[in-house]
Structures are given as C-alpha cells and as structure tokens.
Amino acid sequence: VGDCDLRSAIVETVVPRLHIAPSNMDLLGVELEIANERDR
C-alpha cells in the first residue's frame, strides 16, 4: 500500500543469509485498497 519500503519490512530468520519480509492478515485488504491505482 506504499506505507514503507521493502527494506524496512525485512527481518532476519534463524537461518544465516536467509531473510523474510513477513505478512499478516492485513494483506487481505490490499486488493480493495489499490484496485483503482494505475500501478496496482
């Protein structure tokens, strides 16, 4: 939704050299929120 860049979302995992940008149930609402954006 453009509230932060990807770097800000990334966290370390228990595995060296493996990182993750995590998700949660908020993602369910993304489609409605960006549906009218040209770059959706």
PDB file of all heavy atoms in Angstrom:
ATOM      1  N   VAL A   1       0.826  -1.222   0.000  1.00  0.00           N
ATOM      2  CA  VAL A   1       0.000   0.000   0.000  1.00  0.00           C
ATOM      3  C   VAL A   1       0.855   1.264   0.000  1.00  0.00           C
ATOM      4  O   VAL A   1       0.327   2.376  -0.030  1.00  0.00           O
ATOM      5  CB  VAL A   1      -1.005   0.030   1.186  1.00  0.00           C
ATOM      6  CG1 VAL A   1      -1.969  -1.138   1.096  1.00  0.00           C
ATOM      7  CG2 VAL A   1      -0.282   0.056   2.530  1.00  0.00           C
ATOM      8  N   GLY A   2       2.193   1.087   0.040  1.00  0.00           N
ATOM      9  CA  GLY A   2       3.089   2.240  -0.070  1.00  0.00           C
ATOM     10  C   GLY A   2       3.408   2.927   1.231  1.00  0.00           C
ATOM     11  O   GLY A   2       3.909   4.058   1.237  1.00  0.00           O
ATOM     12  N   ASP A   3       3.141   2.277   2.371  1.00  0.00           N
ATOM     13  CA  ASP A   3       3.433   2.892   3.666  1.00  0.00           C
ATOM     14  C   ASP A   3       4.900   2.753   4.079  1.00  0.00           C
ATOM     15  O   ASP A   3       5.351   3.456   4.975  1.00  0.00           O
ATOM     16  CB  ASP A   3       2.548   2.270   4.764  1.00  0.00           C
ATOM     17  CG  ASP A   3       1.113   2.766   4.687  1.00  0.00           C
ATOM     18  OD1 ASP A   3       0.854   3.701   3.907  1.00  0.00           O
ATOM     19  OD2 ASP A   3       0.249   2.205   5.403  1.00  0.00           O
ATOM     20  N   CYS A   4       5.604   1.796   3.472  1.00  0.00           N
ATOM     21  CA  CYS A   4       7.042   1.676   3.757  1.00  0.00           C
ATOM     22  C   CYS A   4       7.730   0.991   2.591  1.00  0.00           C
ATOM     23  O   CYS A   4       7.071   0.396   1.732  1.00  0.00           O
ATOM     24  CB  CYS A   4       7.287   0.905   5.066  1.00  0.00           C
ATOM     25  SG  CYS A   4       7.121  -0.891   4.939  1.00  0.00           S
ATOM     26  N   ASP A   5       9.066   1.084   2.559  1.00  0.00           N
ATOM     27  CA  ASP A   5       9.790   0.386   1.504  1.00  0.00           C
ATOM     28  C   ASP A   5      10.047  -1.065   1.939  1.00  0.00           C
ATOM     29  O   ASP A   5       9.855  -1.429   3.101  1.00  0.00           O
ATOM     30  CB  ASP A   5      11.094   1.106   1.143  1.00  0.00           C
ATOM     31  CG  ASP A   5      12.050   1.253   2.321  1.00  0.00           C
ATOM     32  OD1 ASP A   5      11.829   0.597   3.367  1.00  0.00           O
ATOM     33  OD2 ASP A   5      13.022   2.006   2.205  1.00  0.00           O
ATOM     34  N   LEU A   6      10.466  -1.879   0.981  1.00  0.00           N
ATOM     35  CA  LEU A   6      10.662  -3.304   1.255  1.00  0.00           C
ATOM     36  C   LEU A   6      11.769  -3.522   2.288  1.00  0.00           C
ATOM     37  O   LEU A   6      11.657  -4.397   3.149  1.00  0.00           O
ATOM     38  CB  LEU A   6      10.985  -4.037  -0.055  1.00  0.00           C
ATOM     39  CG  LEU A   6      11.143  -5.558  -0.008  1.00  0.00           C
ATOM     40  CD1 LEU A   6       9.935  -6.238   0.628  1.00  0.00           C
ATOM     41  CD2 LEU A   6      11.372  -6.114  -1.424  1.00  0.00           C
ATOM     42  N   ARG A   7      12.819  -2.709   2.231  1.00  0.00           N
ATOM     43  CA  ARG A   7      13.939  -2.853   3.171  1.00  0.00           C
ATOM     44  C   ARG A   7      13.466  -2.736   4.614  1.00  0.00           C
ATOM     45  O   ARG A   7      13.944  -3.446   5.501  1.00  0.00           O
ATOM     46  CB  ARG A   7      15.014  -1.783   2.879  1.00  0.00           C
ATOM     47  CG  ARG A   7      16.240  -1.877   3.777  1.00  0.00           C
ATOM     48  CD  ARG A   7      17.044  -3.106   3.441  1.00  0.00           C
ATOM     49  NE  ARG A   7      18.173  -3.342   4.342  1.00  0.00           N
ATOM     50  CZ  ARG A   7      18.114  -4.081   5.431  1.00  0.00           C
ATOM     51  NH1 ARG A   7      16.956  -4.628   5.809  1.00  0.00           N
ATOM     52  NH2 ARG A   7      19.187  -4.297   6.169  1.00  0.00           N
ATOM     53  N   SER A   8      12.497  -1.863   4.857  1.00  0.00           N
ATOM     54  CA  SER A   8      12.016  -1.630   6.226  1.00  0.00           C
ATOM     55  C   SER A   8      11.221  -2.813   6.778  1.00  0.00           C
ATOM     56  O   SER A   8      11.083  -2.957   7.992  1.00  0.00           O
ATOM     57  CB  SER A   8      11.126  -0.380   6.264  1.00  0.00           C
ATOM     58  OG  SER A   8      11.828   0.741   5.798  1.00  0.00           O
ATOM     59  N   ALA A   9      10.699  -3.650   5.882  1.00  0.00           N
ATOM     60  CA  ALA A   9       9.877  -4.784   6.315  1.00  0.00           C
ATOM     61  C   ALA A   9      10.694  -6.048   6.576  1.00  0.00           C
ATOM     62  O   ALA A   9      10.218  -6.984   7.210  1.00  0.00           O
ATOM     63  CB  ALA A   9       8.798  -5.075   5.267  1.00  0.00           C
ATOM     64  N   ILE A  10      11.933  -6.061   6.084  1.00  0.00           N
ATOM     65  CA  ILE A  10      12.729  -7.298   6.136  1.00  0.00           C
ATOM     66  C   ILE A  10      13.264  -7.575   7.540  1.00  0.00           C
ATOM     67  O   ILE A  10      13.770  -6.684   8.211  1.00  0.00           O
ATOM     68  CB  ILE A  10      13.898  -7.203   5.132  1.00  0.00           C
ATOM     69  CG1 ILE A  10      13.357  -7.176   3.703  1.00  0.00           C
ATOM     70  CG2 ILE A  10      14.875  -8.363   5.301  1.00  0.00           C
ATOM     71  CD1 ILE A  10      14.398  -6.844   2.651  1.00  0.00           C
ATOM     72  N   VAL A  11      13.130  -8.850   7.959  1.00  0.00           N
ATOM     73  CA  VAL A  11      13.683  -9.272   9.249  1.00  0.00           C
ATOM     74  C   VAL A  11      14.567 -10.503   9.047  1.00  0.00           C
ATOM     75  O   VAL A  11      14.409 -11.242   8.072  1.00  0.00           O
ATOM     76  CB  VAL A  11      12.573  -9.590  10.283  1.00  0.00           C
ATOM     77  CG1 VAL A  11      11.815  -8.337  10.654  1.00  0.00           C
ATOM     78  CG2 VAL A  11      11.626 -10.659   9.765  1.00  0.00           C
ATOM     79  N   GLU A  12      15.486 -10.710   9.975  1.00  0.00           N
ATOM     80  CA  GLU A  12      16.353 -11.887   9.926  1.00  0.00           C
ATOM     81  C   GLU A  12      15.573 -13.132  10.356  1.00  0.00           C
ATOM     82  O   GLU A  12      14.612 -13.036  11.117  1.00  0.00           O
ATOM     83  CB  GLU A  12      17.552 -11.705  10.864  1.00  0.00           C
ATOM     84  CG  GLU A  12      18.543 -10.677  10.395  1.00  0.00           C
ATOM     85  CD  GLU A  12      19.763 -10.601  11.315  1.00  0.00           C
ATOM     86  OE1 GLU A  12      19.797 -11.366  12.301  1.00  0.00           O
ATOM     87  OE2 GLU A  12      20.649  -9.784  11.029  1.00  0.00           O
ATOM     88  N   THR A  13      16.009 -14.295   9.883  1.00  0.00           N
ATOM     89  CA  THR A  13      15.421 -15.558  10.318  1.00  0.00           C
ATOM     90  C   THR A  13      16.468 -16.347  11.109  1.00  0.00           C
ATOM     91  O   THR A  13      17.609 -15.900  11.262  1.00  0.00           O
ATOM     92  CB  THR A  13      14.954 -16.407   9.125  1.00  0.00           C
ATOM     93  OG1 THR A  13      16.101 -16.937   8.436  1.00  0.00           O
ATOM     94  CG2 THR A  13      14.117 -15.578   8.148  1.00  0.00           C
ATOM     95  N   VAL A  14      16.078 -17.531  11.561  1.00  0.00           N
ATOM     96  CA  VAL A  14      17.031 -18.390  12.286  1.00  0.00           C
ATOM     97  C   VAL A  14      18.103 -18.946  11.360  1.00  0.00           C
ATOM     98  O   VAL A  14      19.102 -19.494  11.823  1.00  0.00           O
ATOM     99  CB  VAL A  14      16.290 -19.567  12.966  1.00  0.00           C
ATOM    100  CG1 VAL A  14      15.434 -19.069  14.112  1.00  0.00           C
ATOM    101  CG2 VAL A  14      15.451 -20.356  11.966  1.00  0.00           C
ATOM    102  N   VAL A  15      17.912 -18.793  10.055  1.00  0.00           N
ATOM    103  CA  VAL A  15      18.862 -19.333   9.078  1.00  0.00           C
ATOM    104  C   VAL A  15      19.810 -18.224   8.616  1.00  0.00           C
ATOM    105  O   VAL A  15      19.353 -17.195   8.109  1.00  0.00           O
ATOM    106  CB  VAL A  15      18.125 -19.902   7.845  1.00  0.00           C
ATOM    107  CG1 VAL A  15      19.111 -20.498   6.841  1.00  0.00           C
ATOM    108  CG2 VAL A  15      17.095 -20.950   8.269  1.00  0.00           C
ATOM    109  N   PRO A  16      21.115 -18.394   8.778  1.00  0.00           N
ATOM    110  CA  PRO A  16      22.058 -17.387   8.277  1.00  0.00           C
ATOM    111  C   PRO A  16      21.867 -17.168   6.772  1.00  0.00           C
ATOM    112  O   PRO A  16      21.613 -18.119   6.032  1.00  0.00           O
ATOM    113  CB  PRO A  16      23.431 -18.020   8.568  1.00  0.00           C
ATOM    114  CG  PRO A  16      23.184 -19.002   9.660  1.00  0.00           C
ATOM    115  CD  PRO A  16      21.801 -19.528   9.440  1.00  0.00           C
ATOM    116  N   ARG A  17      21.931 -15.910   6.346  1.00  0.00           N
ATOM    117  CA  ARG A  17      21.812 -15.490   4.933  1.00  0.00           C
ATOM    118  C   ARG A  17      20.378 -15.593   4.384  1.00  0.00           C
ATOM    119  O   ARG A  17      20.165 -15.347   3.201  1.00  0.00           O
ATOM    120  CB  ARG A  17      22.757 -16.299   4.023  1.00  0.00           C
ATOM    121  CG  ARG A  17      24.200 -16.262   4.443  1.00  0.00           C
ATOM    122  CD  ARG A  17      25.079 -17.030   3.494  1.00  0.00           C
ATOM    123  NE  ARG A  17      25.414 -16.198   2.333  1.00  0.00           N
ATOM    124  CZ  ARG A  17      26.650 -15.808   2.028  1.00  0.00           C
ATOM    125  NH1 ARG A  17      27.660 -16.180   2.782  1.00  0.00           N
ATOM    126  NH2 ARG A  17      26.885 -15.071   0.972  1.00  0.00           N
ATOM    127  N   LEU A  18      19.430 -15.971   5.232  1.00  0.00           N
ATOM    128  CA  LEU A  18      18.035 -16.034   4.802  1.00  0.00           C
ATOM    129  C   LEU A  18      17.221 -15.000   5.568  1.00  0.00           C
ATOM    130  O   LEU A  18      17.167 -15.029   6.804  1.00  0.00           O
ATOM    131  CB  LEU A  18      17.460 -17.440   5.041  1.00  0.00           C
ATOM    132  CG  LEU A  18      15.970 -17.636   4.672  1.00  0.00           C
ATOM    133  CD1 LEU A  18      15.751 -17.450   3.170  1.00  0.00           C
ATOM    134  CD2 LEU A  18      15.491 -19.020   5.103  1.00  0.00           C
ATOM    135  N   HIS A  19      16.588 -14.086   4.833  1.00  0.00           N
ATOM    136  CA  HIS A  19      15.734 -13.059   5.418  1.00  0.00           C
ATOM    137  C   HIS A  19      14.315 -13.220   4.892  1.00  0.00           C
ATOM    138  O   HIS A  19      14.089 -13.906   3.901  1.00  0.00           O
ATOM    139  CB  HIS A  19      16.258 -11.661   5.069  1.00  0.00           C
ATOM    140  CG  HIS A  19      17.567 -11.315   5.708  1.00  0.00           C
ATOM    141  ND1 HIS A  19      18.761 -11.886   5.307  1.00  0.00           N
ATOM    142  CD2 HIS A  19      17.871 -10.457   6.731  1.00  0.00           C
ATOM    143  CE1 HIS A  19      19.741 -11.393   6.052  1.00  0.00           C
ATOM    144  NE2 HIS A  19      19.233 -10.521   6.916  1.00  0.00           N
ATOM    145  N   ILE A  20      13.383 -12.561   5.576  1.00  0.00           N
ATOM    146  CA  ILE A  20      11.996 -12.620   5.122  1.00  0.00           C
ATOM    147  C   ILE A  20      11.316 -11.268   5.298  1.00  0.00           C
ATOM    148  O   ILE A  20      11.596 -10.536   6.260  1.00  0.00           O
ATOM    149  CB  ILE A  20      11.204 -13.720   5.874  1.00  0.00           C
ATOM    150  CG1 ILE A  20       9.805 -13.902   5.266  1.00  0.00           C
ATOM    151  CG2 ILE A  20      11.121 -13.438   7.373  1.00  0.00           C
ATOM    152  CD1 ILE A  20       9.074 -15.148   5.721  1.00  0.00           C
ATOM    153  N   ALA A  21      10.468 -10.921   4.337  1.00  0.00           N
ATOM    154  CA  ALA A  21       9.530  -9.814   4.506  1.00  0.00           C
ATOM    155  C   ALA A  21       8.214 -10.465   4.906  1.00  0.00           C
ATOM    156  O   ALA A  21       7.555 -11.106   4.077  1.00  0.00           O
ATOM    157  CB  ALA A  21       9.377  -9.023   3.206  1.00  0.00           C
ATOM    158  N   PRO A  22       7.836 -10.388   6.180  1.00  0.00           N
ATOM    159  CA  PRO A  22       6.697 -11.159   6.673  1.00  0.00           C
ATOM    160  C   PRO A  22       5.352 -10.579   6.243  1.00  0.00           C
ATOM    161  O   PRO A  22       5.279  -9.455   5.736  1.00  0.00           O
ATOM    162  CB  PRO A  22       6.864 -11.076   8.195  1.00  0.00           C
ATOM    163  CG  PRO A  22       7.565  -9.780   8.426  1.00  0.00           C
ATOM    164  CD  PRO A  22       8.466  -9.575   7.240  1.00  0.00           C
ATOM    165  N   SER A  23       4.300 -11.361   6.464  1.00  0.00           N
ATOM    166  CA  SER A  23       2.957 -10.884   6.149  1.00  0.00           C
ATOM    167  C   SER A  23       2.037 -11.153   7.328  1.00  0.00           C
ATOM    168  O   SER A  23       2.389 -11.860   8.269  1.00  0.00           O
ATOM    169  CB  SER A  23       2.419 -11.568   4.896  1.00  0.00           C
ATOM    170  OG  SER A  23       1.858 -12.834   5.212  1.00  0.00           O
ATOM    171  N   ASN A  24       0.841 -10.594   7.250  1.00  0.00           N
ATOM    172  CA  ASN A  24      -0.222 -10.932   8.202  1.00  0.00           C
ATOM    173  C   ASN A  24      -1.571 -10.748   7.506  1.00  0.00           C
ATOM    174  O   ASN A  24      -1.627 -10.485   6.299  1.00  0.00           O
ATOM    175  CB  ASN A  24      -0.117 -10.088   9.488  1.00  0.00           C
ATOM    176  CG  ASN A  24      -0.180  -8.599   9.213  1.00  0.00           C
ATOM    177  OD1 ASN A  24      -0.693  -8.161   8.186  1.00  0.00           O
ATOM    178  ND2 ASN A  24       0.346  -7.802  10.133  1.00  0.00           N
ATOM    179  N   MET A  25      -2.644 -10.887   8.252  1.00  0.00           N
ATOM    180  CA  MET A  25      -3.990 -10.875   7.659  1.00  0.00           C
ATOM    181  C   MET A  25      -4.361  -9.536   7.026  1.00  0.00           C
ATOM    182  O   MET A  25      -5.317  -9.455   6.258  1.00  0.00           O
ATOM    183  CB  MET A  25      -5.032 -11.251   8.721  1.00  0.00           C
ATOM    184  CG  MET A  25      -4.880 -12.663   9.268  1.00  0.00           C
ATOM    185  SD  MET A  25      -5.069 -13.950   8.009  1.00  0.00           S
ATOM    186  CE  MET A  25      -6.847 -14.049   7.933  1.00  0.00           C
ATOM    187  N   ASP A  26      -3.617  -8.474   7.344  1.00  0.00           N
ATOM    188  CA  ASP A  26      -3.893  -7.172   6.716  1.00  0.00           C
ATOM    189  C   ASP A  26      -3.857  -7.266   5.189  1.00  0.00           C
ATOM    190  O   ASP A  26      -4.538  -6.503   4.487  1.00  0.00           O
ATOM    191  CB  ASP A  26      -2.879  -6.120   7.164  1.00  0.00           C
ATOM    192  CG  ASP A  26      -3.041  -5.741   8.632  1.00  0.00           C
ATOM    193  OD1 ASP A  26      -4.076  -6.099   9.229  1.00  0.00           O
ATOM    194  OD2 ASP A  26      -2.122  -5.101   9.178  1.00  0.00           O
ATOM    195  N   LEU A  27      -3.035  -8.196   4.682  1.00  0.00           N
ATOM    196  CA  LEU A  27      -2.895  -8.355   3.218  1.00  0.00           C
ATOM    197  C   LEU A  27      -4.218  -8.656   2.529  1.00  0.00           C
ATOM    198  O   LEU A  27      -4.364  -8.414   1.335  1.00  0.00           O
ATOM    199  CB  LEU A  27      -1.916  -9.504   2.917  1.00  0.00           C
ATOM    200  CG  LEU A  27      -0.478  -9.179   2.528  1.00  0.00           C
ATOM    201  CD1 LEU A  27       0.249 -10.443   2.152  1.00  0.00           C
ATOM    202  CD2 LEU A  27      -0.393  -8.168   1.388  1.00  0.00           C
ATOM    203  N   LEU A  28      -5.177  -9.193   3.282  1.00  0.00           N
ATOM    204  CA  LEU A  28      -6.486  -9.500   2.694  1.00  0.00           C
ATOM    205  C   LEU A  28      -7.143  -8.255   2.107  1.00  0.00           C
ATOM    206  O   LEU A  28      -7.934  -8.344   1.164  1.00  0.00           O
ATOM    207  CB  LEU A  28      -7.417 -10.121   3.750  1.00  0.00           C
ATOM    208  CG  LEU A  28      -7.124 -11.567   4.149  1.00  0.00           C
ATOM    209  CD1 LEU A  28      -7.942 -11.953   5.383  1.00  0.00           C
ATOM    210  CD2 LEU A  28      -7.421 -12.512   2.990  1.00  0.00           C
ATOM    211  N   GLY A  29      -6.806  -7.089   2.674  1.00  0.00           N
ATOM    212  CA  GLY A  29      -7.448  -5.861   2.223  1.00  0.00           C
ATOM    213  C   GLY A  29      -6.735  -5.140   1.096  1.00  0.00           C
ATOM    214  O   GLY A  29      -7.247  -4.136   0.573  1.00  0.00           O
ATOM    215  N   VAL A  30      -5.574  -5.640   0.693  1.00  0.00           N
ATOM    216  CA  VAL A  30      -4.760  -4.928  -0.303  1.00  0.00           C
ATOM    217  C   VAL A  30      -5.492  -4.742  -1.615  1.00  0.00           C
ATOM    218  O   VAL A  30      -5.486  -3.663  -2.213  1.00  0.00           O
ATOM    219  CB  VAL A  30      -3.417  -5.666  -0.536  1.00  0.00           C
ATOM    220  CG1 VAL A  30      -2.802  -5.265  -1.875  1.00  0.00           C
ATOM    221  CG2 VAL A  30      -2.447  -5.341   0.580  1.00  0.00           C
ATOM    222  N   GLU A  31      -6.146  -5.801  -2.068  1.00  0.00           N
ATOM    223  CA  GLU A  31      -6.780  -5.750  -3.385  1.00  0.00           C
ATOM    224  C   GLU A  31      -7.770  -4.587  -3.492  1.00  0.00           C
ATOM    225  O   GLU A  31      -7.774  -3.846  -4.476  1.00  0.00           O
ATOM    226  CB  GLU A  31      -7.483  -7.083  -3.660  1.00  0.00           C
ATOM    227  CG  GLU A  31      -7.678  -7.340  -5.131  1.00  0.00           C
ATOM    228  CD  GLU A  31      -7.569  -8.825  -5.482  1.00  0.00           C
ATOM    229  OE1 GLU A  31      -7.167  -9.635  -4.632  1.00  0.00           O
ATOM    230  OE2 GLU A  31      -7.880  -9.127  -6.629  1.00  0.00           O
ATOM    231  N   LEU A  32      -8.589  -4.401  -2.463  1.00  0.00           N
ATOM    232  CA  LEU A  32      -9.555  -3.302  -2.469  1.00  0.00           C
ATOM    233  C   LEU A  32      -8.857  -1.950  -2.384  1.00  0.00           C
ATOM    234  O   LEU A  32      -9.257  -0.994  -3.046  1.00  0.00           O
ATOM    235  CB  LEU A  32     -10.525  -3.443  -1.287  1.00  0.00           C
ATOM    236  CG  LEU A  32     -11.622  -4.506  -1.441  1.00  0.00           C
ATOM    237  CD1 LEU A  32     -12.401  -4.643  -0.140  1.00  0.00           C
ATOM    238  CD2 LEU A  32     -12.563  -4.156  -2.587  1.00  0.00           C
ATOM    239  N   GLU A  33      -7.791  -1.886  -1.600  1.00  0.00           N
ATOM    240  CA  GLU A  33      -7.124  -0.603  -1.373  1.00  0.00           C
ATOM    241  C   GLU A  33      -6.393  -0.070  -2.596  1.00  0.00           C
ATOM    242  O   GLU A  33      -6.299   1.139  -2.792  1.00  0.00           O
ATOM    243  CB  GLU A  33      -6.158  -0.708  -0.192  1.00  0.00           C
ATOM    244  CG  GLU A  33      -6.869  -0.859   1.141  1.00  0.00           C
ATOM    245  CD  GLU A  33      -5.941  -0.623   2.312  1.00  0.00           C
ATOM    246  OE1 GLU A  33      -5.183   0.358   2.286  1.00  0.00           O
ATOM    247  OE2 GLU A  33      -5.984  -1.439   3.247  1.00  0.00           O
ATOM    248  N   ILE A  34      -5.843  -0.984  -3.412  1.00  0.00           N
ATOM    249  CA  ILE A  34      -5.064  -0.497  -4.562  1.00  0.00           C
ATOM    250  C   ILE A  34      -5.754  -0.782  -5.909  1.00  0.00           C
ATOM    251  O   ILE A  34      -5.175  -0.547  -6.958  1.00  0.00           O
ATOM    252  CB  ILE A  34      -3.641  -1.100  -4.572  1.00  0.00           C
ATOM    253  CG1 ILE A  34      -3.665  -2.620  -4.803  1.00  0.00           C
ATOM    254  CG2 ILE A  34      -2.904  -0.766  -3.290  1.00  0.00           C
ATOM    255  CD1 ILE A  34      -2.275  -3.226  -4.994  1.00  0.00           C
ATOM    256  N   ALA A  35      -6.997  -1.247  -5.848  1.00  0.00           N
ATOM    257  CA  ALA A  35      -7.710  -1.661  -7.072  1.00  0.00           C
ATOM    258  C   ALA A  35      -7.779  -0.556  -8.125  1.00  0.00           C
ATOM    259  O   ALA A  35      -7.728  -0.832  -9.333  1.00  0.00           O
ATOM    260  CB  ALA A  35      -9.119  -2.141  -6.725  1.00  0.00           C
ATOM    261  N   ASN A  36      -7.886   0.697  -7.697  1.00  0.00           N
ATOM    262  CA  ASN A  36      -8.052   1.799  -8.652  1.00  0.00           C
ATOM    263  C   ASN A  36      -6.742   2.494  -9.017  1.00  0.00           C
ATOM    264  O   ASN A  36      -6.737   3.470  -9.765  1.00  0.00           O
ATOM    265  CB  ASN A  36      -9.035   2.832  -8.081  1.00  0.00           C
ATOM    266  CG  ASN A  36     -10.428   2.242  -7.917  1.00  0.00           C
ATOM    267  OD1 ASN A  36     -10.877   1.463  -8.758  1.00  0.00           O
ATOM    268  ND2 ASN A  36     -11.097   2.583  -6.821  1.00  0.00           N
ATOM    269  N   GLU A  37      -5.620   1.972  -8.480  1.00  0.00           N
ATOM    270  CA  GLU A  37      -4.323   2.581  -8.783  1.00  0.00           C
ATOM    271  C   GLU A  37      -3.784   2.067 -10.115  1.00  0.00           C
ATOM    272  O   GLU A  37      -3.891   0.871 -10.425  1.00  0.00           O
ATOM    273  CB  GLU A  37      -3.310   2.247  -7.674  1.00  0.00           C
ATOM    274  CG  GLU A  37      -3.743   2.664  -6.277  1.00  0.00           C
ATOM    275  CD  GLU A  37      -3.846   4.172  -6.125  1.00  0.00           C
ATOM    276  OE1 GLU A  37      -3.110   4.890  -6.839  1.00  0.00           O
ATOM    277  OE2 GLU A  37      -4.668   4.623  -5.299  1.00  0.00           O
ATOM    278  N   ARG A  38      -3.214   2.947 -10.889  1.00  0.00           N
ATOM    279  CA  ARG A  38      -2.733   2.548 -12.222  1.00  0.00           C
ATOM    280  C   ARG A  38      -1.588   1.539 -12.155  1.00  0.00           C
ATOM    281  O   ARG A  38      -1.423   0.713 -13.049  1.00  0.00           O
ATOM    282  CB  ARG A  38      -2.286   3.791 -13.011  1.00  0.00           C
ATOM    283  CG  ARG A  38      -3.453   4.709 -13.368  1.00  0.00           C
ATOM    284  CD  ARG A  38      -3.019   5.836 -14.259  1.00  0.00           C
ATOM    285  NE  ARG A  38      -2.554   5.359 -15.562  1.00  0.00           N
ATOM    286  CZ  ARG A  38      -2.160   6.162 -16.544  1.00  0.00           C
ATOM    287  NH1 ARG A  38      -2.178   7.470 -16.371  1.00  0.00           N
ATOM    288  NH2 ARG A  38      -1.753   5.671 -17.691  1.00  0.00           N
ATOM    289  N   ASP A  39      -0.786   1.609 -11.095  1.00  0.00           N
ATOM    290  CA  ASP A  39       0.362   0.711 -10.978  1.00  0.00           C
ATOM    291  C   ASP A  39       0.062  -0.504 -10.099  1.00  0.00           C
ATOM    292  O   ASP A  39       0.973  -1.140  -9.573  1.00  0.00           O
ATOM    293  CB  ASP A  39       1.573   1.467 -10.416  1.00  0.00           C
ATOM    294  CG  ASP A  39       1.358   1.888  -8.960  1.00  0.00           C
ATOM    295  OD1 ASP A  39       0.193   1.867  -8.494  1.00  0.00           O
ATOM    296  OD2 ASP A  39       2.353   2.230  -8.289  1.00  0.00           O
ATOM    297  N   ARG A  40      -1.223  -0.841  -9.951  1.00  0.00           N
ATOM    298  CA  ARG A  40      -1.617  -1.880  -8.980  1.00  0.00           C
ATOM    299  C   ARG A  40      -0.951  -3.236  -9.238  1.00  0.00           C
ATOM    300  O   ARG A  40      -0.725  -4.000  -8.302  1.00  0.00           O
ATOM    301  CB  ARG A  40      -3.139  -2.050  -8.959  1.00  0.00           C
ATOM    302  CG  ARG A  40      -3.750  -2.475 -10.290  1.00  0.00           C
ATOM    303  CD  ARG A  40      -5.272  -2.481 -10.212  1.00  0.00           C
ATOM    304  NE  ARG A  40      -5.871  -2.774 -11.515  1.00  0.00           N
ATOM    305  CZ  ARG A  40      -6.128  -1.864 -12.441  1.00  0.00           C
ATOM    306  NH1 ARG A  40      -5.839  -0.592 -12.197  1.00  0.00           N
ATOM    307  NH2 ARG A  40      -6.660  -2.200 -13.598  1.00  0.00           N
TER     308      ARG A  40
END
